[in-house]
C-alpha atoms as a PDB file:
ATOM      1  CA  UNK A   1      88.687  93.263 130.745  1.00  0.00           C
ATOM      2  CA  UNK A   2      89.397  89.793 129.411  1.00  0.00           C
ATOM      3  CA  UNK A   3      89.125  87.005 131.945  1.00  0.00           C
ATOM      4  CA  UNK A   4      92.726  85.891 131.254  1.00  0.00           C
ATOM      5  CA  UNK A   5      94.005  89.404 131.911  1.00  0.00           C
ATOM      6  CA  UNK A   6      92.092  89.656 135.178  1.00  0.00           C
ATOM      7  CA  UNK A   7      93.458  86.222 136.194  1.00  0.00           C
ATOM      8  CA  UNK A   8      96.997  87.238 135.415  1.00  0.00           C
ATOM      9  CA  UNK A   9      96.736  90.524 137.324  1.00  0.00           C
ATOM     10  CA  UNK A  10      95.331  88.718 140.364  1.00  0.00           C
ATOM     11  CA  UNK A  11      98.143  86.206 140.226  1.00  0.00           C
ATOM     12  CA  UNK A  12     100.780  89.051 140.040  1.00  0.00           C
ATOM     13  CA  UNK A  13      99.098  90.799 142.967  1.00  0.00           C
ATOM     14  CA  UNK A  14      98.967  87.591 144.980  1.00  0.00           C
ATOM     15  CA  UNK A  15     102.770  87.037 144.447  1.00  0.00           C
ATOM     16  CA  UNK A  16     103.324  90.515 145.814  1.00  0.00           C
ATOM     17  CA  UNK A  17     101.081  89.845 148.817  1.00  0.00           C
ATOM     18  CA  UNK A  18      98.250  92.129 147.645  1.00  0.00           C
ATOM     19  CA  UNK A  19      94.587  91.212 147.788  1.00  0.00           C
ATOM     20  CA  UNK A  20      93.441  93.052 144.709  1.00  0.00           C
ATOM     21  CA  UNK A  21      95.182  94.007 141.468  1.00  0.00           C
ATOM     22  CA  UNK A  22      94.675  97.804 141.609  1.00  0.00           C
ATOM     23  CA  UNK A  23      98.316  98.319 142.729  1.00  0.00           C
ATOM     24  CA  UNK A  24      99.627  96.230 139.832  1.00  0.00           C
ATOM     25  CA  UNK A  25      97.315  98.078 137.412  1.00  0.00           C
ATOM     26  CA  UNK A  26      98.438 101.485 138.741  1.00  0.00           C
ATOM     27  CA  UNK A  27     102.030 100.514 138.337  1.00  0.00           C
ATOM     28  CA  UNK A  28     101.437  99.270 134.754  1.00  0.00           C
ATOM     29  CA  UNK A  29      99.624 102.529 133.855  1.00  0.00           C
ATOM     30  CA  UNK A  30     102.404 104.620 135.352  1.00  0.00           C
ATOM     31  CA  UNK A  31     105.060 102.764 133.324  1.00  0.00           C
ATOM     32  CA  UNK A  32     103.034 103.034 130.155  1.00  0.00           C
ATOM     33  CA  UNK A  33     102.550 106.787 130.603  1.00  0.00           C
ATOM     34  CA  UNK A  34     106.265 107.308 131.289  1.00  0.00           C
ATOM     35  CA  UNK A  35     107.091 105.216 128.198  1.00  0.00           C
ATOM     36  CA  UNK A  36     104.708 107.283 126.060  1.00  0.00           C
ATOM     37  CA  UNK A  37     106.293 110.458 127.181  1.00  0.00           C
ATOM     38  CA  UNK A  38     109.736 109.175 126.284  1.00  0.00           C
ATOM     39  CA  UNK A  39     108.416 107.962 122.929  1.00  0.00           C
ATOM     40  CA  UNK A  40     106.942 111.374 122.221  1.00  0.00           C
ATOM     41  CA  UNK A  41     110.233 113.086 123.171  1.00  0.00           C
ATOM     42  CA  UNK A  42     112.175 110.769 120.834  1.00  0.00           C
ATOM     43  CA  UNK A  43     109.749 111.370 117.993  1.00  0.00           C
ATOM     44  CA  UNK A  44     109.999 115.125 118.406  1.00  0.00           C
ATOM     45  CA  UNK A  45     113.828 114.958 118.471  1.00  0.00           C
ATOM     46  CA  UNK A  46     113.871 112.896 115.316  1.00  0.00           C
ATOM     47  CA  UNK A  47     111.457 115.202 113.565  1.00  0.00           C
ATOM     48  CA  UNK A  48     113.581 118.178 114.480  1.00  0.00           C
ATOM     49  CA  UNK A  49     116.399 116.646 112.395  1.00  0.00           C
ATOM     50  CA  UNK A  50     114.445 116.773 109.128  1.00  0.00           C
ATOM     51  CA  UNK A  51     116.410 118.773 106.593  1.00  0.00           C
ATOM     52  CA  UNK A  52     119.563 118.825 108.600  1.00  0.00           C
ATOM     53  CA  UNK A  53     121.488 116.997 105.815  1.00  0.00           C
ATOM     54  CA  UNK A  54     122.227 118.795 102.546  1.00  0.00           C
ATOM     55  CA  UNK A  55     120.897 117.068  99.435  1.00  0.00           C
ATOM     56  CA  UNK A  56     124.504 116.088  98.519  1.00  0.00           C
ATOM     57  CA  UNK A  57     125.184 114.610 101.985  1.00  0.00           C
ATOM     58  CA  UNK A  58     121.932 112.711 101.921  1.00  0.00           C
ATOM     59  CA  UNK A  59     122.752 111.211  98.494  1.00  0.00           C
ATOM     60  CA  UNK A  60     126.210 110.229  99.642  1.00  0.00           C
ATOM     61  CA  UNK A  61     124.649 108.575 102.691  1.00  0.00           C
ATOM     62  CA  UNK A  62     122.209 106.658 100.473  1.00  0.00           C
ATOM     63  CA  UNK A  63     125.021 105.413  98.195  1.00  0.00           C
ATOM     64  CA  UNK A  64     127.174 104.360 101.174  1.00  0.00           C
ATOM     65  CA  UNK A  65     124.248 102.523 102.791  1.00  0.00           C
ATOM     66  CA  UNK A  66     123.364 100.748  99.510  1.00  0.00           C
ATOM     67  CA  UNK A  67     127.029  99.663  99.028  1.00  0.00           C
ATOM     68  CA  UNK A  68     127.129  98.311 102.628  1.00  0.00           C
ATOM     69  CA  UNK A  69     123.828  96.369 102.171  1.00  0.00           C
ATOM     70  CA  UNK A  70     125.134  94.780  98.989  1.00  0.00           C
ATOM     71  CA  UNK A  71     127.888  93.021 101.008  1.00  0.00           C
ATOM     72  CA  UNK A  72     125.719  92.269 103.963  1.00  0.00           C
ATOM     73  CA  UNK A  73     125.341  88.617 104.795  1.00  0.00           C
END
């Protein structure tokens, strides 16, 4: 662990009235794991949409998007 990370964790723990940073680290790991699960679910949901537009609808969307981008600031 980098010295600056350890120092920052100890400072956070001290502000919370904790002696060590294991509580801060446990909270950070928990939040990371929850975020990773949410990212995985979003990725799966997006991948499940593959092929849901017909070729004609997809081309129409591309044209509309290109036209909007031409007039974008």
